[in-house]
PDB file of N, CA and C in Angstrom:
ATOM      1  N   MET A   1      -2.816  21.163 -15.179  1.00  0.00           N
ATOM      2  CA  MET A   1      -3.004  22.587 -15.088  1.00  0.00           C
ATOM      3  C   MET A   1      -2.998  23.188 -16.490  1.00  0.00           C
ATOM      4  N   ALA A   2      -2.038  22.775 -17.309  1.00  0.00           N
ATOM      5  CA  ALA A   2      -1.948  23.308 -18.663  1.00  0.00           C
ATOM      6  C   ALA A   2      -3.193  22.951 -19.465  1.00  0.00           C
ATOM      7  N   GLU A   3      -3.725  21.756 -19.249  1.00  0.00           N
ATOM      8  CA  GLU A   3      -4.941  21.359 -19.964  1.00  0.00           C
ATOM      9  C   GLU A   3      -6.116  22.252 -19.581  1.00  0.00           C
ATOM     10  N   ARG A   4      -6.237  22.551 -18.293  1.00  0.00           N
ATOM     11  CA  ARG A   4      -7.325  23.428 -17.834  1.00  0.00           C
ATOM     12  C   ARG A   4      -7.164  24.838 -18.402  1.00  0.00           C
ATOM     13  N   GLN A   5      -5.928  25.323 -18.458  1.00  0.00           N
ATOM     14  CA  GLN A   5      -5.692  26.651 -19.030  1.00  0.00           C
ATOM     15  C   GLN A   5      -6.051  26.665 -20.510  1.00  0.00           C
ATOM     16  N   GLY A   6      -5.689  25.590 -21.213  1.00  0.00           N
ATOM     17  CA  GLY A   6      -6.013  25.496 -22.634  1.00  0.00           C
ATOM     18  C   GLY A   6      -7.506  25.485 -22.893  1.00  0.00           C
ATOM     19  N   GLN A   7      -8.252  24.788 -22.048  1.00  0.00           N
ATOM     20  CA  GLN A   7      -9.707  24.741 -22.197  1.00  0.00           C
ATOM     21  C   GLN A   7     -10.309  26.133 -22.020  1.00  0.00           C
ATOM     22  N   LYS A   8      -9.838  26.841 -21.005  1.00  0.00           N
ATOM     23  CA  LYS A   8     -10.353  28.197 -20.754  1.00  0.00           C
ATOM     24  C   LYS A   8      -9.961  29.135 -21.899  1.00  0.00           C
ATOM     25  N   ALA A   9      -8.734  28.994 -22.404  1.00  0.00           N
ATOM     26  CA  ALA A   9      -8.280  29.829 -23.521  1.00  0.00           C
ATOM     27  C   ALA A   9      -9.146  29.583 -24.757  1.00  0.00           C
ATOM     28  N   ALA A  10      -9.466  28.324 -25.015  1.00  0.00           N
ATOM     29  CA  ALA A  10     -10.300  27.993 -26.178  1.00  0.00           C
ATOM     30  C   ALA A  10     -11.690  28.621 -26.043  1.00  0.00           C
ATOM     31  N   LYS A  11     -12.267  28.541 -24.861  1.00  0.00           N
ATOM     32  CA  LYS A  11     -13.579  29.164 -24.632  1.00  0.00           C
ATOM     33  C   LYS A  11     -13.511  30.669 -24.854  1.00  0.00           C
ATOM     34  N   ASN A  12     -12.449  31.275 -24.353  1.00  0.00           N
ATOM     35  CA  ASN A  12     -12.310  32.724 -24.499  1.00  0.00           C
ATOM     36  C   ASN A  12     -12.070  33.134 -25.943  1.00  0.00           C
ATOM     37  N   MET A  13     -11.381  32.290 -26.704  1.00  0.00           N
ATOM     38  CA  MET A  13     -11.191  32.577 -28.127  1.00  0.00           C
ATOM     39  C   MET A  13     -12.525  32.542 -28.864  1.00  0.00           C
ATOM     40  N   MET A  14     -13.478  31.798 -28.290  1.00  0.00           N
ATOM     41  CA  MET A  14     -14.807  31.706 -28.878  1.00  0.00           C
ATOM     42  C   MET A  14     -15.736  32.800 -28.336  1.00  0.00           C
ATOM     43  N   GLY A  15     -15.194  33.698 -27.489  1.00  0.00           N
ATOM     44  CA  GLY A  15     -15.964  34.836 -27.015  1.00  0.00           C
ATOM     45  C   GLY A  15     -16.502  34.727 -25.604  1.00  0.00           C
ATOM     46  N   ALA A  16     -16.104  33.744 -24.829  1.00  0.00           N
ATOM     47  CA  ALA A  16     -16.672  33.546 -23.495  1.00  0.00           C
ATOM     48  C   ALA A  16     -16.249  34.616 -22.494  1.00  0.00           C
ATOM     49  N   HIS A  17     -15.053  35.160 -22.599  1.00  0.00           N
ATOM     50  CA  HIS A  17     -14.552  36.190 -21.682  1.00  0.00           C
ATOM     51  C   HIS A  17     -14.602  35.728 -20.224  1.00  0.00           C
ATOM     52  N   GLU A  18     -14.129  34.497 -19.965  1.00  0.00           N
ATOM     53  CA  GLU A  18     -14.115  33.941 -18.616  1.00  0.00           C
ATOM     54  C   GLU A  18     -12.713  34.052 -18.020  1.00  0.00           C
ATOM     55  N   ARG A  19     -12.670  34.347 -16.756  1.00  0.00           N
ATOM     56  CA  ARG A  19     -11.395  34.456 -16.044  1.00  0.00           C
ATOM     57  C   ARG A  19     -10.926  33.060 -15.626  1.00  0.00           C
ATOM     58  N   PHE A  20      -9.634  32.783 -15.759  1.00  0.00           N
ATOM     59  CA  PHE A  20      -9.070  31.506 -15.322  1.00  0.00           C
ATOM     60  C   PHE A  20      -8.808  31.581 -13.830  1.00  0.00           C
ATOM     61  N   GLU A  21      -9.517  30.765 -13.055  1.00  0.00           N
ATOM     62  CA  GLU A  21      -9.393  30.818 -11.600  1.00  0.00           C
ATOM     63  C   GLU A  21      -9.160  29.453 -10.971  1.00  0.00           C
ATOM     64  N   ALA A  22      -8.728  28.475 -11.720  1.00  0.00           N
ATOM     65  CA  ALA A  22      -8.501  27.145 -11.162  1.00  0.00           C
ATOM     66  C   ALA A  22      -7.368  27.177 -10.138  1.00  0.00           C
ATOM     67  N   VAL A  23      -7.472  26.319  -9.152  1.00  0.00           N
ATOM     68  CA  VAL A  23      -6.435  26.199  -8.135  1.00  0.00           C
ATOM     69  C   VAL A  23      -5.203  25.540  -8.760  1.00  0.00           C
ATOM     70  N   PRO A  24      -4.028  26.152  -8.641  1.00  0.00           N
ATOM     71  CA  PRO A  24      -2.827  25.551  -9.229  1.00  0.00           C
ATOM     72  C   PRO A  24      -2.437  24.262  -8.498  1.00  0.00           C
ATOM     73  N   PHE A  25      -1.875  23.331  -9.253  1.00  0.00           N
ATOM     74  CA  PHE A  25      -1.426  22.075  -8.651  1.00  0.00           C
ATOM     75  C   PHE A  25      -0.345  21.455  -9.514  1.00  0.00           C
ATOM     76  N   PHE A  26       0.426  20.579  -8.916  1.00  0.00           N
ATOM     77  CA  PHE A  26       1.305  19.704  -9.686  1.00  0.00           C
ATOM     78  C   PHE A  26       1.527  18.427  -8.903  1.00  0.00           C
ATOM     79  N   TRP A  27       1.772  17.375  -9.638  1.00  0.00           N
ATOM     80  CA  TRP A  27       2.117  16.088  -9.057  1.00  0.00           C
ATOM     81  C   TRP A  27       3.466  15.704  -9.611  1.00  0.00           C
ATOM     82  N   SER A  28       4.308  15.170  -8.771  1.00  0.00           N
ATOM     83  CA  SER A  28       5.639  14.786  -9.202  1.00  0.00           C
ATOM     84  C   SER A  28       6.018  13.453  -8.577  1.00  0.00           C
ATOM     85  N   GLN A  29       6.921  12.768  -9.203  1.00  0.00           N
ATOM     86  CA  GLN A  29       7.396  11.480  -8.708  1.00  0.00           C
ATOM     87  C   GLN A  29       8.913  11.570  -8.584  1.00  0.00           C
ATOM     88  N   HIS A  30       9.419  11.453  -7.377  1.00  0.00           N
ATOM     89  CA  HIS A  30      10.858  11.492  -7.137  1.00  0.00           C
ATOM     90  C   HIS A  30      11.290  10.108  -6.679  1.00  0.00           C
ATOM     91  N   TYR A  31      11.894   9.388  -7.611  1.00  0.00           N
ATOM     92  CA  TYR A  31      12.225   7.979  -7.394  1.00  0.00           C
ATOM     93  C   TYR A  31      10.911   7.262  -7.087  1.00  0.00           C
ATOM     94  N   ASP A  32      10.719   6.725  -5.913  1.00  0.00           N
ATOM     95  CA  ASP A  32       9.469   6.034  -5.595  1.00  0.00           C
ATOM     96  C   ASP A  32       8.559   6.862  -4.699  1.00  0.00           C
ATOM     97  N   VAL A  33       8.768   8.164  -4.638  1.00  0.00           N
ATOM     98  CA  VAL A  33       8.020   9.016  -3.714  1.00  0.00           C
ATOM     99  C   VAL A  33       7.140  10.002  -4.487  1.00  0.00           C
ATOM    100  N   PRO A  34       5.811   9.831  -4.401  1.00  0.00           N
ATOM    101  CA  PRO A  34       4.917  10.795  -5.054  1.00  0.00           C
ATOM    102  C   PRO A  34       4.720  12.036  -4.180  1.00  0.00           C
ATOM    103  N   ILE A  35       4.916  13.204  -4.779  1.00  0.00           N
ATOM    104  CA  ILE A  35       4.716  14.468  -4.076  1.00  0.00           C
ATOM    105  C   ILE A  35       3.645  15.248  -4.831  1.00  0.00           C
ATOM    106  N   ASN A  36       2.595  15.618  -4.119  1.00  0.00           N
ATOM    107  CA  ASN A  36       1.488  16.373  -4.713  1.00  0.00           C
ATOM    108  C   ASN A  36       1.422  17.739  -4.045  1.00  0.00           C
ATOM    109  N   TYR A  37       1.226  18.767  -4.852  1.00  0.00           N
ATOM    110  CA  TYR A  37       1.147  20.132  -4.345  1.00  0.00           C
ATOM    111  C   TYR A  37      -0.098  20.778  -4.934  1.00  0.00           C
ATOM    112  N   VAL A  38      -0.869  21.424  -4.081  1.00  0.00           N
ATOM    113  CA  VAL A  38      -2.070  22.114  -4.551  1.00  0.00           C
ATOM    114  C   VAL A  38      -2.193  23.438  -3.811  1.00  0.00           C
ATOM    115  N   GLY A  39      -2.602  24.483  -4.544  1.00  0.00           N
ATOM    116  CA  GLY A  39      -2.792  25.799  -3.951  1.00  0.00           C
ATOM    117  C   GLY A  39      -1.660  26.749  -4.273  1.00  0.00           C
ATOM    118  N   TYR A  40      -1.749  27.939  -3.685  1.00  0.00           N
ATOM    119  CA  TYR A  40      -0.710  28.946  -3.877  1.00  0.00           C
ATOM    120  C   TYR A  40      -0.758  29.929  -2.711  1.00  0.00           C
ATOM    121  N   PRO A  41       0.191  29.823  -1.793  1.00  0.00           N
ATOM    122  CA  PRO A  41       0.210  30.779  -0.681  1.00  0.00           C
ATOM    123  C   PRO A  41       1.201  31.896  -0.930  1.00  0.00           C
ATOM    124  N   GLU A  42       0.723  33.105  -1.086  1.00  0.00           N
ATOM    125  CA  GLU A  42       1.651  34.228  -1.205  1.00  0.00           C
ATOM    126  C   GLU A  42       2.292  34.504   0.146  1.00  0.00           C
ATOM    127  N   ALA A  43       1.531  34.281   1.192  1.00  0.00           N
ATOM    128  CA  ALA A  43       2.034  34.443   2.561  1.00  0.00           C
ATOM    129  C   ALA A  43       1.205  33.542   3.462  1.00  0.00           C
ATOM    130  N   TRP A  44       1.799  33.079   4.546  1.00  0.00           N
ATOM    131  CA  TRP A  44       1.080  32.223   5.479  1.00  0.00           C
ATOM    132  C   TRP A  44       1.573  32.539   6.883  1.00  0.00           C
ATOM    133  N   ASP A  45       0.747  32.166   7.876  1.00  0.00           N
ATOM    134  CA  ASP A  45       1.157  32.410   9.254  1.00  0.00           C
ATOM    135  C   ASP A  45       1.416  31.117  10.029  1.00  0.00           C
ATOM    136  N   THR A  46       0.946  29.985   9.511  1.00  0.00           N
ATOM    137  CA  THR A  46       1.238  28.708  10.162  1.00  0.00           C
ATOM    138  C   THR A  46       1.462  27.618   9.117  1.00  0.00           C
ATOM    139  N   ILE A  47       2.247  26.645   9.517  1.00  0.00           N
ATOM    140  CA  ILE A  47       2.460  25.446   8.715  1.00  0.00           C
ATOM    141  C   ILE A  47       2.139  24.264   9.620  1.00  0.00           C
ATOM    142  N   ASP A  48       1.169  23.442   9.209  1.00  0.00           N
ATOM    143  CA  ASP A  48       0.785  22.259   9.976  1.00  0.00           C
ATOM    144  C   ASP A  48       1.305  21.021   9.272  1.00  0.00           C
ATOM    145  N   ILE A  49       1.974  20.167  10.023  1.00  0.00           N
ATOM    146  CA  ILE A  49       2.477  18.907   9.483  1.00  0.00           C
ATOM    147  C   ILE A  49       1.720  17.769  10.145  1.00  0.00           C
ATOM    148  N   GLU A  50       1.133  16.927   9.314  1.00  0.00           N
ATOM    149  CA  GLU A  50       0.400  15.766   9.808  1.00  0.00           C
ATOM    150  C   GLU A  50       1.055  14.522   9.233  1.00  0.00           C
ATOM    151  N   GLY A  51       1.273  13.532  10.073  1.00  0.00           N
ATOM    152  CA  GLY A  51       1.903  12.309   9.600  1.00  0.00           C
ATOM    153  C   GLY A  51       3.375  12.285   9.949  1.00  0.00           C
ATOM    154  N   ASP A  52       4.119  11.435   9.260  1.00  0.00           N
ATOM    155  CA  ASP A  52       5.528  11.222   9.561  1.00  0.00           C
ATOM    156  C   ASP A  52       6.374  11.540   8.330  1.00  0.00           C
ATOM    157  N   VAL A  53       7.063  12.665   8.368  1.00  0.00           N
ATOM    158  CA  VAL A  53       7.883  13.105   7.244  1.00  0.00           C
ATOM    159  C   VAL A  53       9.001  12.100   6.974  1.00  0.00           C
ATOM    160  N   GLU A  54       9.642  11.626   8.024  1.00  0.00           N
ATOM    161  CA  GLU A  54      10.754  10.687   7.851  1.00  0.00           C
ATOM    162  C   GLU A  54      10.310   9.365   7.218  1.00  0.00           C
ATOM    163  N   LYS A  55       9.089   8.950   7.502  1.00  0.00           N
ATOM    164  CA  LYS A  55       8.567   7.718   6.893  1.00  0.00           C
ATOM    165  C   LYS A  55       7.896   7.991   5.550  1.00  0.00           C
ATOM    166  N   ARG A  56       7.959   9.257   5.108  1.00  0.00           N
ATOM    167  CA  ARG A  56       7.406   9.673   3.811  1.00  0.00           C
ATOM    168  C   ARG A  56       5.914   9.379   3.672  1.00  0.00           C
ATOM    169  N   ASN A  57       5.165   9.726   4.692  1.00  0.00           N
ATOM    170  CA  ASN A  57       3.709   9.620   4.659  1.00  0.00           C
ATOM    171  C   ASN A  57       3.186  10.808   5.453  1.00  0.00           C
ATOM    172  N   CYS A  58       2.984  11.930   4.753  1.00  0.00           N
ATOM    173  CA  CYS A  58       2.625  13.140   5.482  1.00  0.00           C
ATOM    174  C   CYS A  58       1.880  14.132   4.601  1.00  0.00           C
ATOM    175  N   SER A  59       1.394  15.144   5.284  1.00  0.00           N
ATOM    176  CA  SER A  59       0.724  16.257   4.633  1.00  0.00           C
ATOM    177  C   SER A  59       1.220  17.527   5.323  1.00  0.00           C
ATOM    178  N   VAL A  60       1.532  18.536   4.518  1.00  0.00           N
ATOM    179  CA  VAL A  60       1.991  19.820   5.038  1.00  0.00           C
ATOM    180  C   VAL A  60       1.037  20.887   4.525  1.00  0.00           C
ATOM    181  N   SER A  61       0.389  21.585   5.446  1.00  0.00           N
ATOM    182  CA  SER A  61      -0.594  22.605   5.071  1.00  0.00           C
ATOM    183  C   SER A  61      -0.068  23.994   5.409  1.00  0.00           C
ATOM    184  N   TYR A  62      -0.146  24.890   4.437  1.00  0.00           N
ATOM    185  CA  TYR A  62       0.232  26.288   4.627  1.00  0.00           C
ATOM    186  C   TYR A  62      -1.054  27.072   4.847  1.00  0.00           C
ATOM    187  N   LYS A  63      -1.154  27.736   6.007  1.00  0.00           N
ATOM    188  CA  LYS A  63      -2.410  28.390   6.381  1.00  0.00           C
ATOM    189  C   LYS A  63      -2.219  29.858   6.726  1.00  0.00           C
ATOM    190  N   ARG A  64      -3.278  30.605   6.483  1.00  0.00           N
ATOM    191  CA  ARG A  64      -3.343  31.995   6.920  1.00  0.00           C
ATOM    192  C   ARG A  64      -4.721  32.217   7.506  1.00  0.00           C
ATOM    193  N   ASP A  65      -4.763  32.759   8.713  1.00  0.00           N
ATOM    194  CA  ASP A  65      -6.020  33.002   9.427  1.00  0.00           C
ATOM    195  C   ASP A  65      -6.871  31.738   9.509  1.00  0.00           C
ATOM    196  N   GLY A  66      -6.222  30.579   9.695  1.00  0.00           N
ATOM    197  CA  GLY A  66      -6.935  29.319   9.843  1.00  0.00           C
ATOM    198  C   GLY A  66      -7.376  28.661   8.554  1.00  0.00           C
ATOM    199  N   ARG A  67      -7.190  29.328   7.432  1.00  0.00           N
ATOM    200  CA  ARG A  67      -7.617  28.800   6.126  1.00  0.00           C
ATOM    201  C   ARG A  67      -6.428  28.191   5.381  1.00  0.00           C
ATOM    202  N   THR A  68      -6.613  26.983   4.858  1.00  0.00           N
ATOM    203  CA  THR A  68      -5.552  26.321   4.109  1.00  0.00           C
ATOM    204  C   THR A  68      -5.417  26.962   2.735  1.00  0.00           C
ATOM    205  N   LEU A  69      -4.212  27.460   2.436  1.00  0.00           N
ATOM    206  CA  LEU A  69      -3.940  28.103   1.153  1.00  0.00           C
ATOM    207  C   LEU A  69      -3.211  27.174   0.196  1.00  0.00           C
ATOM    208  N   ALA A  70      -2.449  26.235   0.755  1.00  0.00           N
ATOM    209  CA  ALA A  70      -1.714  25.273  -0.063  1.00  0.00           C
ATOM    210  C   ALA A  70      -1.461  24.028   0.772  1.00  0.00           C
ATOM    211  N   GLN A  71      -1.302  22.919   0.074  1.00  0.00           N
ATOM    212  CA  GLN A  71      -1.037  21.668   0.766  1.00  0.00           C
ATOM    213  C   GLN A  71      -0.093  20.812  -0.070  1.00  0.00           C
ATOM    214  N   VAL A  72       0.888  20.243   0.598  1.00  0.00           N
ATOM    215  CA  VAL A  72       1.817  19.311  -0.021  1.00  0.00           C
ATOM    216  C   VAL A  72       1.601  17.965   0.649  1.00  0.00           C
ATOM    217  N   THR A  73       1.461  16.905  -0.149  1.00  0.00           N
ATOM    218  CA  THR A  73       1.291  15.580   0.430  1.00  0.00           C
ATOM    219  C   THR A  73       2.312  14.613  -0.163  1.00  0.00           C
ATOM    220  N   ILE A  74       2.682  13.643   0.646  1.00  0.00           N
ATOM    221  CA  ILE A  74       3.537  12.552   0.209  1.00  0.00           C
ATOM    222  C   ILE A  74       2.795  11.262   0.532  1.00  0.00           C
ATOM    223  N   PHE A  75       2.527  10.473  -0.495  1.00  0.00           N
ATOM    224  CA  PHE A  75       1.766   9.221  -0.379  1.00  0.00           C
ATOM    225  C   PHE A  75       0.369   9.449   0.182  1.00  0.00           C
ATOM    226  N   ARG A  76      -0.263  10.566  -0.137  1.00  0.00           N
ATOM    227  CA  ARG A  76      -1.630  10.846   0.306  1.00  0.00           C
ATOM    228  C   ARG A  76      -2.412  11.489  -0.843  1.00  0.00           C
ATOM    229  N   ASP A  77      -2.548  10.741  -1.926  1.00  0.00           N
ATOM    230  CA  ASP A  77      -3.207  11.260  -3.129  1.00  0.00           C
ATOM    231  C   ASP A  77      -4.632  11.722  -2.864  1.00  0.00           C
ATOM    232  N   LEU A  78      -5.414  10.908  -2.166  1.00  0.00           N
ATOM    233  CA  LEU A  78      -6.812  11.257  -1.915  1.00  0.00           C
ATOM    234  C   LEU A  78      -6.913  12.546  -1.106  1.00  0.00           C
ATOM    235  N   GLU A  79      -6.076  12.694  -0.114  1.00  0.00           N
ATOM    236  CA  GLU A  79      -6.079  13.909   0.701  1.00  0.00           C
ATOM    237  C   GLU A  79      -5.762  15.139  -0.154  1.00  0.00           C
ATOM    238  N   SER A  80      -4.843  14.982  -1.088  1.00  0.00           N
ATOM    239  CA  SER A  80      -4.494  16.074  -1.992  1.00  0.00           C
ATOM    240  C   SER A  80      -5.681  16.458  -2.875  1.00  0.00           C
ATOM    241  N   LEU A  81      -6.366  15.463  -3.414  1.00  0.00           N
ATOM    242  CA  LEU A  81      -7.536  15.730  -4.261  1.00  0.00           C
ATOM    243  C   LEU A  81      -8.658  16.393  -3.463  1.00  0.00           C
ATOM    244  N   GLU A  82      -8.840  15.958  -2.228  1.00  0.00           N
ATOM    245  CA  GLU A  82      -9.869  16.571  -1.377  1.00  0.00           C
ATOM    246  C   GLU A  82      -9.526  18.023  -1.072  1.00  0.00           C
ATOM    247  N   ALA A  83      -8.246  18.316  -0.844  1.00  0.00           N
ATOM    248  CA  ALA A  83      -7.819  19.698  -0.590  1.00  0.00           C
ATOM    249  C   ALA A  83      -8.074  20.567  -1.814  1.00  0.00           C
ATOM    250  N   GLU A  84      -7.757  20.029  -3.001  1.00  0.00           N
ATOM    251  CA  GLU A  84      -8.009  20.782  -4.230  1.00  0.00           C
ATOM    252  C   GLU A  84      -9.495  21.063  -4.400  1.00  0.00           C
ATOM    253  N   SER A  85     -10.313  20.062  -4.151  1.00  0.00           N
ATOM    254  CA  SER A  85     -11.764  20.225  -4.278  1.00  0.00           C
ATOM    255  C   SER A  85     -12.282  21.300  -3.327  1.00  0.00           C
ATOM    256  N   GLU A  86     -11.793  21.305  -2.099  1.00  0.00           N
ATOM    257  CA  GLU A  86     -12.219  22.311  -1.129  1.00  0.00           C
ATOM    258  C   GLU A  86     -11.755  23.703  -1.542  1.00  0.00           C
ATOM    259  N   MET A  87     -10.536  23.822  -2.049  1.00  0.00           N
ATOM    260  CA  MET A  87     -10.041  25.125  -2.497  1.00  0.00           C
ATOM    261  C   MET A  87     -10.844  25.626  -3.700  1.00  0.00           C
ATOM    262  N   GLU A  88     -11.198  24.736  -4.613  1.00  0.00           N
ATOM    263  CA  GLU A  88     -12.030  25.112  -5.762  1.00  0.00           C
ATOM    264  C   GLU A  88     -13.406  25.595  -5.280  1.00  0.00           C
ATOM    265  N   ARG A  89     -13.963  24.918  -4.273  1.00  0.00           N
ATOM    266  CA  ARG A  89     -15.274  25.298  -3.745  1.00  0.00           C
ATOM    267  C   ARG A  89     -15.221  26.694  -3.137  1.00  0.00           C
ATOM    268  N   VAL A  90     -14.152  26.981  -2.402  1.00  0.00           N
ATOM    269  CA  VAL A  90     -13.996  28.286  -1.772  1.00  0.00           C
ATOM    270  C   VAL A  90     -13.866  29.387  -2.812  1.00  0.00           C
ATOM    271  N   ILE A  91     -13.117  29.123  -3.890  1.00  0.00           N
ATOM    272  CA  ILE A  91     -12.939  30.109  -4.952  1.00  0.00           C
ATOM    273  C   ILE A  91     -14.269  30.417  -5.643  1.00  0.00           C
ATOM    274  N   SER A  92     -15.080  29.390  -5.862  1.00  0.00           N
ATOM    275  CA  SER A  92     -16.314  29.592  -6.609  1.00  0.00           C
ATOM    276  C   SER A  92     -17.466  30.120  -5.747  1.00  0.00           C
ATOM    277  N   THR A  93     -17.257  30.225  -4.431  1.00  0.00           N
ATOM    278  CA  THR A  93     -18.286  30.767  -3.556  1.00  0.00           C
ATOM    279  C   THR A  93     -18.176  32.288  -3.539  1.00  0.00           C
ATOM    280  N   PRO A  94     -19.285  32.965  -3.888  1.00  0.00           N
ATOM    281  CA  PRO A  94     -19.224  34.438  -3.937  1.00  0.00           C
ATOM    282  C   PRO A  94     -19.034  35.078  -2.582  1.00  0.00           C
TER     283      PRO A  94
END
């Protein structure tokens, strides 16, 4: 995330005047458990859990009006990347 912000800042210092609109994300490793988070929900009306939380293989989606605003995954890296890609696509669609 910081790298993307730096790239946008550098462009703007060169006169681009572009707004930073990338989807926020972070990846973390807690002992042997990878946790990936993408998106930012200021408010949501449903939380969907897919998979098995106790077995540490799951995805948690925060949604509002049926649209995924954020997603947390454990041991589902590809799913996290796909969620980020979809959120980026939605942001860039006028």
